[in-house]
């Protein structure tokens, strides 16, 4: 028997569920579906959102043959065969062809380039489906010839509608609570929902699922996460921005979501170390140590206790005062080094490990700070003379950096006083 997902695949546009933002009247895809005016396009969206089904409906509306390739299984040989078939369709049968390529992002640059002349010549209309960001994964030349449409996760209402159709098809009766549990378990993925219902039908007794059957059906469910893909980067971005924005609740939520999806907790621990330096810095130097401690605690205690230590660090970093002054100062220093000559180290700052170096005056006029009043050599310069007045580090008025800023201001006043004394001698 055909899989449930195949049996329920819509045969006409009105049966299609979801993506109302793309298929509303007045939208290009609405016209394409109802008038058969097809153009080359890329369908970008998560698994189970109807990309393949939409491509088939588009081909049907245009009365075109759809040749389907998978970038996972097919290569140049299959692409050439598809081109030959499309040319025959046009020459012998005056029929248009739609070439649908699933997981198109898995084709390399040369394979993607192979489509270009045939799209240009009108040999076929190209439709690609991808779960990855086309801007990163597809060639610019291909993107310039195909319009990108973004498909979204199916809403709960969409999934509920799909669930009713599926239950009728398999003869399964579910309580409202069971329906809600299955919709939640599908997590926006229509194919996952259909697979759950198909499995549920095999576990049912006279078309109904008892508590044990439902528990078995839902066991081992995991939210979509897709390490290394857009969802991965979107969620870690949300966690980072929650910490930077001083939202402990947001930080904990995205941390829990990533754990729920199977993320390695140590990845979060490493990111917190980076965040503590980048976004908190000297406003609260303890944040860096707490992040390091959480990392170490996980290594020593294992997941159960270690995950809590990382949560501790998430909350602390989110609540800590924020400063990116060190980050900005470091960037400014690196930019200046790249844009200026390699200035020599001033003589008084040079090392004098040999008699020769000492005879050349290396370090001769260096003032040892611990021998000065307040352990500070007022007026001493530690930069090359060509950039002596440069200031990279600008502390902010938050946390410990308030005191650091006040101290640097006092030291600057001492420098100015010392220089004035030398000038007036």
Protein backbone atom coordinates (compact mmCIF):
# COMPACT_ATOMS: atom_id res chain seq x y z
CA UNK A 1 0.00 0.00 0.00
CA UNK A 2 1.16 3.55 -0.73
CA UNK A 3 2.38 5.55 2.28
CA UNK A 4 -0.28 7.77 3.81
CA UNK A 5 1.59 10.93 2.78
CA UNK A 6 1.41 9.81 -0.86
CA UNK A 7 -2.26 8.81 -0.69
CA UNK A 8 -3.25 12.19 0.75
CA UNK A 9 -1.13 14.28 -1.62
CA UNK A 10 -3.40 17.03 -3.02
CA UNK A 11 -4.52 16.66 -6.63
CA UNK A 12 -5.80 20.20 -7.07
CA UNK A 13 -4.86 23.62 -5.60
CA UNK A 14 -7.91 23.85 -3.32
CA UNK A 15 -6.75 20.71 -1.46
CA UNK A 16 -3.33 22.17 -0.63
CA UNK A 17 -2.84 23.00 3.07
CA UNK A 18 -0.65 25.85 4.32
CA UNK A 19 1.48 28.61 2.78
CA UNK A 20 -1.41 31.05 2.54
CA UNK A 21 1.07 33.94 2.40
CA UNK A 22 2.26 32.59 -0.98
CA UNK A 23 -1.03 31.36 -2.43
CA UNK A 24 -3.37 34.22 -1.58
CA UNK A 25 -5.17 35.84 -4.51
CA UNK A 26 -2.93 38.42 -6.16
CA UNK A 27 0.29 36.57 -5.31
CA UNK A 28 2.47 35.27 -8.20
CA UNK A 29 2.09 31.63 -7.15
CA UNK A 30 -1.69 31.96 -7.01
CA UNK A 31 -1.68 33.05 -10.65
CA UNK A 32 0.75 30.30 -11.54
CA UNK A 33 -1.46 27.64 -9.94
CA UNK A 34 -4.74 28.86 -11.38
CA UNK A 35 -3.62 30.15 -14.78
CA UNK A 36 -0.74 27.80 -15.54
CA UNK A 37 1.76 30.64 -15.94
CA UNK A 38 4.86 28.98 -14.49
CA UNK A 39 8.26 30.60 -14.01
CA UNK A 40 11.53 29.17 -12.70
CA UNK A 41 11.60 29.29 -8.93
CA UNK A 42 13.21 28.04 -5.72
CA UNK A 43 11.04 26.74 -2.88
CA UNK A 44 12.89 27.26 0.40
CA UNK A 45 11.45 25.92 3.64
CA UNK A 46 11.68 23.33 6.42
CA UNK A 47 10.90 19.65 5.81
CA UNK A 48 7.25 18.67 5.58
CA UNK A 49 5.93 22.06 4.46
CA UNK A 50 4.70 20.99 1.01
CA UNK A 51 7.52 21.87 -1.40
CA UNK A 52 7.26 18.75 -3.57
CA UNK A 53 3.46 18.84 -3.54
CA UNK A 54 3.44 22.47 -4.64
CA UNK A 55 5.84 21.69 -7.50
CA UNK A 56 3.56 18.88 -8.70
CA UNK A 57 0.50 21.12 -8.59
CA UNK A 58 2.34 23.78 -10.58
CA UNK A 59 3.31 21.23 -13.24
CA UNK A 60 -0.27 19.98 -13.38
CA UNK A 61 -1.69 23.48 -13.78
CA UNK A 62 0.66 24.12 -16.71
CA UNK A 63 -0.13 20.74 -18.29
CA UNK A 64 3.61 20.09 -18.21
CA UNK A 65 5.53 16.90 -17.61
CA UNK A 66 7.41 17.02 -14.33
CA UNK A 67 10.80 15.34 -14.28
CA UNK A 68 11.97 14.88 -10.71
CA UNK A 69 15.62 14.65 -9.66
CA UNK A 70 17.15 14.33 -6.22
CA UNK A 71 20.48 16.02 -5.58
CA UNK A 72 21.12 13.31 -2.99
CA UNK A 73 20.83 10.43 -5.48
CA UNK A 74 21.34 11.91 -8.96
CA UNK A 75 24.24 13.52 -10.79
CA UNK A 76 25.35 14.88 -14.18
CA UNK A 77 24.20 11.72 -16.01
CA UNK A 78 20.64 12.14 -14.76
CA UNK A 79 20.69 15.87 -15.51
CA UNK A 80 21.68 15.15 -19.12
CA UNK A 81 18.93 12.55 -19.45
CA UNK A 82 16.39 15.06 -18.14
CA UNK A 83 17.54 17.63 -20.69
CA UNK A 84 17.15 15.10 -23.53
CA UNK A 85 13.65 14.20 -22.31
CA UNK A 86 12.66 17.87 -22.10
CA UNK A 87 13.93 18.51 -25.61
CA UNK A 88 11.92 15.55 -26.92
CA UNK A 89 8.80 16.76 -25.13
CA UNK A 90 9.10 20.14 -26.83
CA UNK A 91 10.06 18.86 -30.31
CA UNK A 92 7.79 15.82 -30.62
CA UNK A 93 4.82 16.56 -28.39
CA UNK A 94 4.89 20.38 -28.05
CA UNK A 95 4.67 19.81 -24.30
CA UNK A 96 6.41 21.93 -21.69
CA UNK A 97 8.62 20.34 -19.04
CA UNK A 98 9.20 21.25 -15.42
CA UNK A 99 12.46 19.98 -13.97
CA UNK A 100 12.04 19.62 -10.22
CA UNK A 101 15.25 19.18 -8.21
CA UNK A 102 14.80 18.18 -4.58
CA UNK A 103 17.53 19.18 -2.09
CA UNK A 104 19.07 21.30 -4.86
CA UNK A 105 21.59 22.79 -2.40
CA UNK A 106 23.41 19.45 -2.38
CA UNK A 107 24.47 19.88 -6.01
CA UNK A 108 27.94 21.40 -6.39
CA UNK A 109 28.68 24.54 -8.40
CA UNK A 110 29.36 22.70 -11.65
CA UNK A 111 26.15 20.68 -11.36
CA UNK A 112 24.12 23.83 -10.64
CA UNK A 113 25.75 25.57 -13.61
CA UNK A 114 24.62 22.71 -15.87
CA UNK A 115 21.02 23.96 -15.59
CA UNK A 116 21.72 27.53 -16.70
CA UNK A 117 21.82 27.30 -20.52
CA UNK A 118 18.67 25.14 -20.59
CA UNK A 119 16.78 27.58 -18.38
CA UNK A 120 17.92 30.39 -20.69
CA UNK A 121 16.83 28.48 -23.81
CA UNK A 122 13.47 27.53 -22.32
CA UNK A 123 14.18 23.81 -22.57
CA UNK A 124 12.46 23.43 -19.20
CA UNK A 125 11.12 25.48 -16.33
CA UNK A 126 13.28 24.94 -13.29
CA UNK A 127 11.91 24.37 -9.78
CA UNK A 128 14.35 23.70 -6.96
CA UNK A 129 13.49 22.72 -3.39
CA UNK A 130 15.84 23.34 -0.50
CA UNK A 131 15.85 23.37 3.29
CA UNK A 132 18.97 25.57 3.33
CA UNK A 133 19.36 29.30 2.76
CA UNK A 134 19.66 29.75 -1.03
CA UNK A 135 21.84 32.83 -0.59
CA UNK A 136 24.53 30.65 0.96
CA UNK A 137 24.03 27.35 -0.87
CA UNK A 138 23.06 28.23 -4.47
CA UNK A 139 25.06 29.94 -7.20
CA UNK A 140 24.24 33.58 -7.88
CA UNK A 141 23.78 32.72 -11.56
CA UNK A 142 21.05 30.22 -10.71
CA UNK A 143 19.43 32.57 -8.19
CA UNK A 144 19.29 35.33 -10.82
CA UNK A 145 17.19 33.06 -13.07
CA UNK A 146 14.77 31.76 -10.43
CA UNK A 147 12.53 33.57 -7.97
CA UNK A 148 12.84 32.42 -4.35
CA UNK A 149 9.69 31.64 -2.34
CA UNK A 150 9.94 31.03 1.41
CA UNK A 151 7.68 28.32 2.83
CA UNK A 152 6.85 28.37 6.54
CA UNK A 153 6.18 25.66 9.11
CA UNK A 154 2.57 24.53 9.01
CA UNK A 155 0.49 26.28 11.66
CA UNK A 156 -1.44 24.33 14.30
CA UNK A 157 -4.63 25.08 12.35
CA UNK A 158 -3.05 23.69 9.16
CA UNK A 159 -1.91 20.56 10.98
CA UNK A 160 -5.32 20.09 12.59
CA UNK A 161 -6.95 20.18 9.14
CA UNK A 162 -4.42 17.68 7.81
CA UNK A 163 -4.93 15.45 10.85
CA UNK A 164 -8.69 15.22 10.24
CA UNK A 165 -8.16 14.18 6.61
CA UNK A 166 -5.56 11.60 7.65
CA UNK A 167 -7.70 10.09 10.40
CA UNK A 168 -10.60 9.65 7.98
CA UNK A 169 -8.27 7.95 5.49
CA UNK A 170 -6.91 5.42 8.01
CA UNK A 171 -10.09 5.02 10.08
CA UNK A 172 -8.58 6.38 13.29
CA UNK A 173 -10.63 8.12 15.98
CA UNK A 174 -8.78 10.45 18.35
CA UNK A 175 -9.85 12.45 21.38
CA UNK A 176 -9.32 16.22 21.36
CA UNK A 177 -6.41 15.78 23.75
CA UNK A 178 -4.80 13.18 21.50
CA UNK A 179 -5.25 15.44 18.48
CA UNK A 180 -3.55 18.29 20.33
CA UNK A 181 -0.68 16.03 21.37
CA UNK A 182 -0.09 14.87 17.80
CA UNK A 183 -0.22 18.41 16.42
CA UNK A 184 2.34 19.48 19.02
CA UNK A 185 4.53 16.46 18.25
CA UNK A 186 4.49 17.28 14.52
CA UNK A 187 6.14 20.64 15.30
CA UNK A 188 5.07 22.29 12.04
CA UNK A 189 6.00 19.29 9.85
CA UNK A 190 3.07 17.84 7.88
CA UNK A 191 4.97 14.71 6.83
CA UNK A 192 5.87 13.96 10.42
CA UNK A 193 2.20 14.27 11.41
CA UNK A 194 1.11 11.87 8.67
CA UNK A 195 3.79 9.38 9.68
CA UNK A 196 2.59 9.55 13.29
CA UNK A 197 -1.01 8.96 12.28
CA UNK A 198 -0.03 6.08 10.01
CA UNK A 199 1.89 4.46 12.85
CA UNK A 200 -0.96 5.24 15.26
CA UNK A 201 -3.37 3.32 13.03
CA UNK A 202 -1.23 0.19 13.44
CA UNK A 203 -1.22 0.61 17.23
CA UNK A 204 -4.95 1.27 17.48
CA UNK A 205 -7.57 -1.18 18.70
CA UNK A 206 -10.78 -0.89 16.68
CA UNK A 207 -9.73 2.54 15.45
CA UNK A 208 -8.91 3.98 18.85
CA UNK A 209 -5.66 4.57 20.72
CA UNK A 210 -5.44 3.87 24.45
CA UNK A 211 -3.04 5.69 26.80
CA UNK A 212 -0.26 3.13 26.32
CA UNK A 213 -0.59 3.28 22.54
CA UNK A 214 -0.38 7.08 22.61
CA UNK A 215 2.66 6.95 24.89
CA UNK A 216 4.39 4.53 22.53
CA UNK A 217 3.51 6.71 19.56
CA UNK A 218 4.98 9.86 21.12
CA UNK A 219 8.05 8.27 22.70
CA UNK A 220 11.39 9.46 21.40
CA UNK A 221 10.00 12.54 19.70
CA UNK A 222 12.52 15.27 19.10
CA UNK A 223 12.02 18.76 17.79
CA UNK A 224 13.61 19.69 14.49
CA UNK A 225 17.01 21.24 15.00
CA UNK A 226 19.22 20.51 11.97
CA UNK A 227 22.70 21.10 13.36
CA UNK A 228 24.67 23.30 11.00
CA UNK A 229 21.57 24.52 9.15
CA UNK A 230 19.51 27.69 9.37
CA UNK A 231 17.55 26.54 12.43
CA UNK A 232 20.82 25.93 14.26
CA UNK A 233 22.15 29.40 13.53
CA UNK A 234 18.81 31.12 14.12
CA UNK A 235 18.46 29.59 17.58
CA UNK A 236 22.00 30.28 18.75
CA UNK A 237 21.56 33.82 17.39
CA UNK A 238 18.39 34.16 19.47
CA UNK A 239 20.20 32.89 22.58
CA UNK A 240 23.13 35.27 22.05
CA UNK A 241 20.83 38.25 21.48
CA UNK A 242 18.79 37.35 24.56
CA UNK A 243 21.93 37.40 26.72
CA UNK A 244 23.14 40.63 25.11
CA UNK A 245 19.68 42.13 25.63
CA UNK A 246 19.71 41.20 29.36
CA UNK A 247 16.79 38.77 29.09
CA UNK A 248 17.42 35.74 31.33
CA UNK A 249 14.05 34.31 30.33
CA UNK A 250 14.89 34.49 26.62
CA UNK A 251 18.34 33.00 27.25
CA UNK A 252 16.88 30.07 29.20
CA UNK A 253 14.15 29.44 26.65
CA UNK A 254 16.51 29.23 23.67
CA UNK A 255 18.99 27.18 25.69
CA UNK A 256 16.20 24.71 26.56
CA UNK A 257 15.00 24.65 22.94
CA UNK A 258 18.47 23.80 21.69
CA UNK A 259 18.88 21.05 24.27
CA UNK A 260 15.47 19.68 23.33
CA UNK A 261 16.59 19.53 19.71
CA UNK A 262 19.72 17.56 20.53
CA UNK A 263 22.33 20.34 20.71
CA UNK A 264 25.57 19.51 22.53
CA UNK A 265 25.43 21.55 25.79
CA UNK A 266 29.17 22.22 25.52
CA UNK A 267 28.51 24.17 22.33
CA UNK A 268 26.39 26.56 24.41
CA UNK A 269 29.08 26.65 27.11
CA UNK A 270 31.70 27.67 24.56
CA UNK A 271 29.44 30.35 23.14
CA UNK A 272 28.82 31.75 26.63
CA UNK A 273 32.58 32.11 27.14
CA UNK A 274 32.74 34.13 23.91
CA UNK A 275 29.66 36.19 24.90
CA UNK A 276 31.13 36.95 28.33
CA UNK A 277 34.15 38.51 26.66
CA UNK A 278 32.40 40.12 23.69
CA UNK A 279 29.27 41.58 25.29
CA UNK A 280 30.07 41.90 29.00
CA UNK A 281 33.81 42.41 29.12
CA UNK A 282 35.13 44.54 31.97
CA UNK A 283 31.66 45.67 33.01
CA UNK A 284 31.67 42.39 34.98
CA UNK A 285 34.84 40.30 34.52
CA UNK A 286 33.32 37.59 36.72
CA UNK A 287 31.04 36.59 33.81
CA UNK A 288 33.97 35.13 31.92
CA UNK A 289 35.03 33.09 34.94
CA UNK A 290 31.49 31.87 35.61
CA UNK A 291 31.15 30.79 31.95
CA UNK A 292 34.47 28.94 32.19
CA UNK A 293 33.37 27.35 35.47
CA UNK A 294 30.13 26.12 33.84
CA UNK A 295 32.13 24.52 31.04
CA UNK A 296 34.39 22.81 33.59
CA UNK A 297 31.42 21.74 35.74
CA UNK A 298 29.85 19.97 32.77
CA UNK A 299 33.09 18.13 32.08
CA UNK A 300 33.37 17.04 35.72
CA UNK A 301 29.73 16.31 36.57
CA UNK A 302 28.18 15.14 33.31
CA UNK A 303 25.00 16.21 31.57
CA UNK A 304 22.40 16.23 34.35
CA UNK A 305 24.25 18.55 36.72
CA UNK A 306 26.36 20.18 34.03
CA UNK A 307 23.35 21.44 32.06
CA UNK A 308 22.19 23.28 35.19
CA UNK A 309 25.62 24.89 35.58
CA UNK A 310 25.38 26.14 31.99
CA UNK A 311 21.88 27.47 32.74
CA UNK A 312 23.42 29.25 35.76
CA UNK A 313 25.96 30.89 33.45
CA UNK A 314 23.23 31.82 30.93
CA UNK A 315 21.26 33.65 33.59
CA UNK A 316 24.32 35.34 35.12
CA UNK A 317 25.56 36.58 31.75
CA UNK A 318 22.08 37.83 30.82
CA UNK A 319 21.77 39.77 34.10
CA UNK A 320 25.32 41.16 34.08
CA UNK A 321 26.00 44.77 33.03
CA UNK A 322 27.00 44.94 29.38
CA UNK A 323 30.00 46.47 27.66
CA UNK A 324 31.56 45.80 24.30
CA UNK A 325 34.31 48.35 24.97
CA UNK A 326 37.08 45.73 24.96
CA UNK A 327 35.71 44.20 21.74
CA UNK A 328 35.59 47.59 20.03
CA UNK A 329 39.05 48.55 21.33
CA UNK A 330 40.56 45.30 20.07
CA UNK A 331 38.97 45.76 16.63
CA UNK A 332 40.25 49.34 16.47
CA UNK A 333 43.77 48.24 17.42
CA UNK A 334 43.81 45.53 14.75
CA UNK A 335 42.48 47.94 12.13
CA UNK A 336 45.15 50.52 13.00
CA UNK A 337 47.91 47.90 12.81
CA UNK A 338 46.73 46.87 9.33
CA UNK A 339 46.48 50.42 8.04
CA UNK A 340 49.77 51.88 9.38
CA UNK A 341 53.48 51.09 8.97
CA UNK A 342 55.31 48.70 11.30
CA UNK A 343 56.48 51.31 13.78
CA UNK A 344 59.59 50.46 15.76
CA UNK A 345 59.35 49.70 19.46
CA UNK A 346 60.42 52.84 21.35
CA UNK A 347 63.94 52.44 22.76
CA UNK A 348 62.88 52.75 26.39
CA UNK A 349 60.44 49.83 25.96
CA UNK A 350 62.91 47.48 24.33
CA UNK A 351 64.38 44.45 26.03
CA UNK A 352 68.08 44.51 26.99
CA UNK A 353 69.11 40.87 27.47
CA UNK A 354 72.72 41.41 26.24
CA UNK A 355 75.55 43.87 26.86
CA UNK A 356 75.26 45.01 23.24
CA UNK A 357 71.56 45.79 23.59
CA UNK A 358 72.27 47.58 26.86
CA UNK A 359 75.08 49.64 25.26
CA UNK A 360 72.59 50.69 22.56
CA UNK A 361 70.37 52.19 25.23
CA UNK A 362 67.63 49.58 25.13
CA UNK A 363 65.41 50.09 28.17
CA UNK A 364 67.70 52.79 29.55
CA UNK A 365 65.01 55.41 30.16
CA UNK A 366 62.30 52.92 31.15
CA UNK A 367 60.58 53.83 34.41
CA UNK A 368 59.71 50.82 36.57
CA UNK A 369 56.12 51.49 37.63
CA UNK A 370 56.48 49.84 41.05
CA UNK A 371 59.17 52.36 41.99
CA UNK A 372 56.85 55.30 41.21
CA UNK A 373 54.29 56.92 43.47
CA UNK A 374 51.09 54.90 43.39
CA UNK A 375 52.89 52.32 41.22
CA UNK A 376 52.19 54.53 38.20
CA UNK A 377 54.82 56.21 36.00
CA UNK A 378 52.93 59.38 35.20
CA UNK A 379 53.66 60.76 31.73
CA UNK A 380 55.23 57.54 30.44
CA UNK A 381 54.18 56.57 26.88
CA UNK A 382 53.77 52.93 25.84
CA UNK A 383 52.92 53.48 22.18
CA UNK A 384 55.18 54.35 19.22
CA UNK A 385 55.56 58.15 19.08
CA UNK A 386 53.73 58.28 15.72
CA UNK A 387 50.48 57.15 17.40
CA UNK A 388 51.18 58.33 20.93
CA UNK A 389 47.80 60.06 21.37
CA UNK A 390 45.70 57.10 20.19
CA UNK A 391 43.03 55.79 22.58
CA UNK A 392 41.41 52.45 21.79
CA UNK A 393 39.63 51.54 25.01
CA UNK A 394 36.57 53.62 25.93
CA UNK A 395 34.90 52.16 29.07
CA UNK A 396 31.15 52.53 29.36
CA UNK A 397 29.08 53.84 32.26
CA UNK A 398 27.99 50.36 33.38
CA UNK A 399 29.17 47.90 36.00
CA UNK A 400 32.82 47.77 36.96
CA UNK A 401 33.73 49.83 33.91
CA UNK A 402 32.39 52.88 35.72
CA UNK A 403 35.29 52.52 38.17
CA UNK A 404 37.73 51.62 35.39
CA UNK A 405 36.71 54.76 33.51
CA UNK A 406 37.21 56.88 36.63
CA UNK A 407 40.65 55.35 37.23
CA UNK A 408 41.77 55.92 33.65
CA UNK A 409 40.60 59.52 33.89
CA UNK A 410 42.70 60.01 37.08
CA UNK A 411 45.73 58.46 35.42
CA UNK A 412 45.28 60.67 32.36
CA UNK A 413 45.18 63.73 34.62
CA UNK A 414 48.47 62.58 36.24
CA UNK A 415 49.99 62.16 32.77
CA UNK A 416 48.97 65.67 31.76
CA UNK A 417 50.32 67.12 35.03
CA UNK A 418 53.65 65.32 34.54
CA UNK A 419 53.99 66.49 30.96
CA UNK A 420 53.17 70.09 31.96
CA UNK A 421 55.88 69.98 34.64
CA UNK A 422 58.43 68.79 32.06
CA UNK A 423 57.35 71.47 29.58
CA UNK A 424 57.74 74.31 32.11
CA UNK A 425 61.19 73.27 33.35
